[in-house]
N, C-alpha and C. Protein backbone atom coordinates (compact mmCIF):
# COMPACT_ATOMS: atom_id res chain seq x y z
N MET A 1 41.16 -0.18 3.61
CA MET A 1 40.45 -1.59 3.57
C MET A 1 39.51 -1.84 3.03
N LYS A 2 38.69 -0.66 4.62
CA LYS A 2 37.22 -1.19 4.47
C LYS A 2 36.20 -1.01 3.78
N SER A 3 36.66 0.44 2.52
CA SER A 3 36.24 0.64 1.65
C SER A 3 36.14 -0.38 0.48
N HIS A 4 37.47 -1.03 0.61
CA HIS A 4 37.64 -2.15 -0.64
C HIS A 4 36.66 -3.09 -0.79
N LYS A 5 36.38 -3.40 1.26
CA LYS A 5 35.83 -4.52 1.34
C LYS A 5 34.31 -4.29 0.88
N ASN A 6 34.16 -3.06 1.03
CA ASN A 6 32.55 -2.40 0.64
C ASN A 6 32.49 -3.29 -0.68
N LEU A 7 33.07 -2.20 -1.44
CA LEU A 7 33.35 -1.47 -3.28
C LEU A 7 33.31 -3.35 -3.83
N PHE A 8 34.02 -4.61 -3.08
CA PHE A 8 33.88 -6.07 -3.22
C PHE A 8 32.40 -6.71 -3.11
N LEU A 9 32.09 -6.06 -2.31
CA LEU A 9 30.73 -6.91 -1.90
C LEU A 9 29.66 -6.57 -2.49
N LEU A 10 29.93 -5.05 -3.14
CA LEU A 10 28.55 -4.25 -3.92
C LEU A 10 28.60 -4.82 -5.31
N LEU A 11 29.66 -5.14 -5.65
CA LEU A 11 30.05 -5.61 -7.02
C LEU A 11 29.96 -7.01 -7.25
N ALA A 12 30.25 -7.93 -5.71
CA ALA A 12 29.63 -9.40 -6.22
C ALA A 12 27.97 -9.49 -6.19
N ALA A 13 27.51 -8.41 -5.72
CA ALA A 13 26.01 -8.20 -5.69
C ALA A 13 25.29 -7.78 -7.32
N VAL A 14 26.02 -6.81 -7.39
CA VAL A 14 25.34 -6.18 -8.99
C VAL A 14 25.87 -7.66 -10.16
N ALA A 15 26.85 -8.44 -9.50
CA ALA A 15 27.55 -9.38 -10.30
C ALA A 15 26.38 -10.28 -10.56
N VAL A 16 25.47 -10.74 -9.43
CA VAL A 16 24.72 -11.68 -8.97
C VAL A 16 23.25 -11.73 -9.50
N ILE A 17 23.09 -10.37 -9.55
CA ILE A 17 21.78 -10.00 -9.80
C ILE A 17 21.50 -9.94 -11.70
N LEU A 18 22.98 -9.28 -12.10
CA LEU A 18 23.00 -9.33 -13.72
C LEU A 18 23.20 -10.46 -14.31
N SER A 19 23.85 -11.95 -13.29
CA SER A 19 23.47 -13.22 -13.61
C SER A 19 22.16 -13.93 -14.55
N ALA A 20 21.51 -13.23 -13.24
CA ALA A 20 19.81 -13.81 -13.50
C ALA A 20 19.51 -13.54 -15.01
N PHE A 21 20.12 -12.53 -15.76
CA PHE A 21 19.62 -11.78 -16.61
C PHE A 21 19.94 -12.63 -17.87
N PHE A 22 21.41 -13.12 -17.88
CA PHE A 22 21.68 -13.83 -18.48
C PHE A 22 22.09 -15.12 -18.62
N PHE A 23 21.66 -16.14 -17.36
CA PHE A 23 21.83 -17.19 -17.20
C PHE A 23 20.63 -17.63 -16.71
N ALA A 24 19.35 -17.07 -17.11
CA ALA A 24 18.10 -17.78 -16.73
C ALA A 24 17.56 -18.68 -17.05
N PRO A 25 17.13 -19.94 -16.09
CA PRO A 25 17.02 -21.04 -16.93
C PRO A 25 15.49 -21.24 -17.85
N LYS A 26 15.31 -21.90 -19.05
CA LYS A 26 14.77 -22.03 -19.56
C LYS A 26 13.42 -23.01 -19.46
N GLY A 27 12.86 -22.35 -19.83
CA GLY A 27 10.90 -23.18 -19.26
C GLY A 27 10.92 -23.29 -17.80
N VAL A 28 11.19 -22.06 -17.08
CA VAL A 28 10.76 -22.69 -15.32
C VAL A 28 9.87 -21.53 -15.53
N GLU A 29 8.54 -21.97 -14.96
CA GLU A 29 7.04 -21.01 -15.04
C GLU A 29 7.09 -20.95 -12.66
N TYR A 30 7.18 -19.23 -13.18
CA TYR A 30 7.43 -18.54 -12.04
C TYR A 30 5.97 -18.21 -12.14
N SER A 31 4.57 -18.07 -10.62
CA SER A 31 3.80 -17.52 -10.62
C SER A 31 3.51 -16.79 -9.16
N GLY A 32 2.72 -15.47 -9.37
CA GLY A 32 2.56 -15.54 -7.96
C GLY A 32 1.49 -14.92 -7.90
N THR A 33 0.63 -13.97 -6.73
CA THR A 33 -0.07 -13.85 -6.65
C THR A 33 -1.32 -12.95 -7.69
N ASP A 34 0.05 -12.23 -8.55
CA ASP A 34 -0.58 -11.48 -9.75
C ASP A 34 -1.30 -12.77 -10.80
N ASP A 35 -0.57 -13.48 -10.85
CA ASP A 35 -1.34 -14.71 -11.81
C ASP A 35 -2.60 -15.33 -11.31
N ALA A 36 -2.35 -15.73 -9.85
CA ALA A 36 -3.77 -16.07 -9.02
C ALA A 36 -5.03 -15.23 -9.00
N ALA A 37 -4.55 -13.91 -8.49
CA ALA A 37 -5.76 -13.29 -8.68
C ALA A 37 -6.55 -13.33 -10.32
N GLU A 38 -5.49 -12.78 -11.05
CA GLU A 38 -5.94 -12.83 -12.76
C GLU A 38 -7.04 -14.29 -12.65
N THR A 39 -6.32 -15.18 -12.98
CA THR A 39 -7.00 -16.66 -13.03
C THR A 39 -8.65 -16.57 -11.83
N ALA A 40 -8.32 -16.34 -11.37
CA ALA A 40 -9.50 -16.19 -9.80
C ALA A 40 -10.65 -15.24 -10.62
N ILE A 41 -10.20 -13.57 -11.44
CA ILE A 41 -10.99 -12.78 -11.59
C ILE A 41 -11.91 -13.61 -12.92
N THR A 42 -11.08 -14.31 -13.74
CA THR A 42 -11.34 -14.65 -15.02
C THR A 42 -12.31 -15.53 -15.03
N SER A 43 -11.97 -16.48 -13.66
CA SER A 43 -13.41 -17.64 -13.75
C SER A 43 -14.25 -17.33 -13.31
N ILE A 44 -14.36 -15.90 -12.45
CA ILE A 44 -15.70 -15.30 -12.22
C ILE A 44 -15.99 -15.10 -13.22
N GLN A 45 -15.60 -13.82 -13.80
CA GLN A 45 -16.43 -13.12 -15.10
C GLN A 45 -15.18 -13.55 -16.28
N GLU A 46 -15.69 -13.79 -16.75
CA GLU A 46 -14.72 -14.54 -18.26
C GLU A 46 -14.46 -13.54 -19.23
N ASP A 47 -15.46 -12.33 -19.64
CA ASP A 47 -15.24 -11.32 -19.88
C ASP A 47 -14.65 -9.93 -20.14
N TYR A 48 -13.66 -10.65 -18.48
CA TYR A 48 -13.06 -9.30 -17.94
C TYR A 48 -11.81 -8.92 -18.62
N GLU A 49 -11.59 -7.05 -18.58
CA GLU A 49 -10.77 -6.66 -19.27
C GLU A 49 -10.04 -5.93 -18.43
N PRO A 50 -8.76 -5.82 -18.30
CA PRO A 50 -7.99 -5.09 -17.33
C PRO A 50 -7.92 -3.32 -17.59
N TRP A 51 -7.97 -2.42 -16.53
CA TRP A 51 -8.10 -1.81 -16.86
C TRP A 51 -7.12 -0.62 -17.40
N PHE A 52 -6.10 -0.92 -17.53
CA PHE A 52 -4.42 -0.86 -18.07
C PHE A 52 -3.96 -1.78 -18.38
N SER A 53 -2.68 -1.53 -18.67
CA SER A 53 -1.74 -2.35 -19.25
C SER A 53 -0.21 -2.25 -18.78
N PRO A 54 0.54 -3.04 -18.51
CA PRO A 54 2.21 -2.61 -17.82
C PRO A 54 2.82 -1.60 -19.17
N ILE A 55 3.84 -0.84 -18.16
CA ILE A 55 4.98 -0.25 -18.80
C ILE A 55 5.88 -0.56 -19.79
N PHE A 56 6.01 -1.43 -18.48
CA PHE A 56 7.23 -2.20 -18.91
C PHE A 56 7.15 -3.43 -18.71
N GLU A 57 6.99 -5.00 -19.53
CA GLU A 57 6.97 -5.97 -19.19
C GLU A 57 8.25 -6.61 -19.38
N PRO A 58 9.11 -7.39 -18.12
CA PRO A 58 10.27 -8.34 -18.00
C PRO A 58 9.89 -9.52 -18.82
N ALA A 59 11.52 -9.61 -19.65
CA ALA A 59 11.33 -10.23 -20.35
C ALA A 59 11.21 -12.13 -19.87
N GLY A 60 10.68 -12.42 -18.63
CA GLY A 60 10.45 -13.91 -17.74
C GLY A 60 10.10 -13.51 -16.59
N ALA A 61 9.03 -13.96 -16.46
CA ALA A 61 8.53 -13.95 -14.59
C ALA A 61 9.84 -14.33 -13.50
N GLU A 62 10.82 -14.71 -13.67
CA GLU A 62 11.99 -14.73 -12.88
C GLU A 62 12.70 -13.61 -12.49
N VAL A 63 12.87 -12.65 -14.33
CA VAL A 63 13.06 -11.46 -13.90
C VAL A 63 12.53 -10.57 -13.48
N GLU A 64 10.77 -10.80 -13.77
CA GLU A 64 9.95 -10.16 -12.76
C GLU A 64 10.26 -10.19 -11.11
N SER A 65 10.81 -11.35 -11.03
CA SER A 65 10.54 -11.54 -9.09
C SER A 65 12.04 -10.90 -8.88
N LEU A 66 13.18 -11.03 -9.57
CA LEU A 66 13.82 -10.39 -9.32
C LEU A 66 14.11 -9.02 -8.89
N LEU A 67 13.38 -8.47 -9.82
CA LEU A 67 13.23 -6.90 -9.65
C LEU A 67 12.14 -6.73 -8.74
N PHE A 68 11.64 -7.40 -8.43
CA PHE A 68 10.38 -7.10 -7.24
C PHE A 68 11.50 -7.34 -5.73
N THR A 69 11.92 -8.33 -5.72
CA THR A 69 12.83 -8.74 -4.59
C THR A 69 13.81 -7.54 -4.96
N LEU A 70 14.67 -6.75 -5.88
CA LEU A 70 15.66 -5.62 -5.96
C LEU A 70 14.87 -4.60 -5.11
N GLN A 71 13.38 -4.15 -5.77
CA GLN A 71 13.09 -3.04 -5.06
C GLN A 71 13.07 -3.16 -4.03
N GLY A 72 12.36 -4.45 -2.97
CA GLY A 72 12.11 -4.24 -1.81
C GLY A 72 13.57 -4.71 -0.81
N SER A 73 14.88 -5.39 -1.56
CA SER A 73 15.70 -4.56 -0.93
C SER A 73 16.39 -3.53 -0.36
N ILE A 74 15.81 -2.72 -2.03
CA ILE A 74 16.31 -1.31 -1.89
C ILE A 74 15.56 -0.25 -0.70
N GLY A 75 14.61 -0.72 -0.64
CA GLY A 75 13.73 -0.05 0.18
C GLY A 75 14.11 -0.44 1.59
N ALA A 76 13.96 -1.97 1.67
CA ALA A 76 14.78 -1.63 3.80
C ALA A 76 16.09 -1.38 3.44
N GLY A 77 16.89 -1.52 2.42
CA GLY A 77 18.34 -0.45 3.20
C GLY A 77 17.94 1.05 2.91
N ILE A 78 17.12 1.67 2.43
CA ILE A 78 17.16 3.29 2.69
C ILE A 78 16.17 3.19 4.15
N ILE A 79 15.46 2.35 4.68
CA ILE A 79 14.49 2.30 5.36
C ILE A 79 15.71 2.18 7.01
N PHE A 80 16.42 1.09 6.73
CA PHE A 80 17.54 0.73 8.30
C PHE A 80 18.86 1.93 8.03
N TYR A 81 19.11 2.60 6.75
CA TYR A 81 19.94 3.35 6.90
C TYR A 81 19.42 4.70 7.65
N VAL A 82 18.46 4.87 7.36
CA VAL A 82 17.56 6.15 8.54
C VAL A 82 17.71 5.98 9.60
N ILE A 83 17.61 4.91 10.04
CA ILE A 83 17.29 4.78 11.58
C ILE A 83 18.71 4.05 12.30
N GLY A 84 19.54 3.47 11.15
CA GLY A 84 20.74 3.61 11.54
C GLY A 84 21.48 5.04 11.63
N TYR A 85 21.25 6.00 10.97
CA TYR A 85 21.38 7.47 11.42
C TYR A 85 21.36 8.11 12.24
N ASN A 86 20.01 7.99 12.37
CA ASN A 86 19.57 8.61 13.71
C ASN A 86 19.74 7.90 14.73
N ARG A 87 19.30 6.74 14.47
CA ARG A 87 20.33 6.36 15.69
C ARG A 87 22.33 6.83 16.40
N GLY A 88 22.89 7.34 15.10
CA GLY A 88 24.19 7.39 15.39
C GLY A 88 24.01 8.41 15.94
N LYS A 89 23.28 9.51 15.34
CA LYS A 89 23.26 10.90 15.76
C LYS A 89 22.54 11.29 17.09
N LYS A 90 21.35 10.28 17.53
CA LYS A 90 21.60 10.46 18.99
C LYS A 90 22.23 10.19 20.54
N ASP A 91 23.35 9.04 19.62
CA ASP A 91 24.15 8.01 20.55
C ASP A 91 24.93 9.56 20.52
N LEU A 92 25.29 10.33 19.59
CA LEU A 92 26.49 11.05 19.15
C LEU A 92 25.88 12.81 20.29
N ASN A 93 24.82 13.06 20.02
CA ASN A 93 24.20 13.95 20.99
C ASN A 93 24.19 13.62 22.52
N LYS A 94 24.21 12.56 22.99
CA LYS A 94 24.37 11.59 24.27
C LYS A 94 25.78 12.11 25.09
N SER A 95 26.54 11.49 24.14
CA SER A 95 27.62 11.68 24.77
C SER A 95 28.54 13.36 24.04
N ALA A 96 28.18 14.27 23.63
CA ALA A 96 28.37 15.29 24.03
C ALA A 96 28.21 16.52 25.04
């Protein structure tokens, strides 16, 4: 029963993430620190050219924001899994 609940929650999370790709609002402008930094640099030095270009350019800024958040969530999940695993291992050794 518990594994069904976890599977349902995982599928629901994937559905929410994928819905952003298909139902993204049109005309919404999201900007982050990258855009602010680029604006500041070009205001100081107008002929500035970036050193390299991105390998993958998302369809829109909202997708970019989603991918950034997803990356952070996966990283946090891994970190907290390791912490929980080590805590469980420590408690198991303590009881033995």
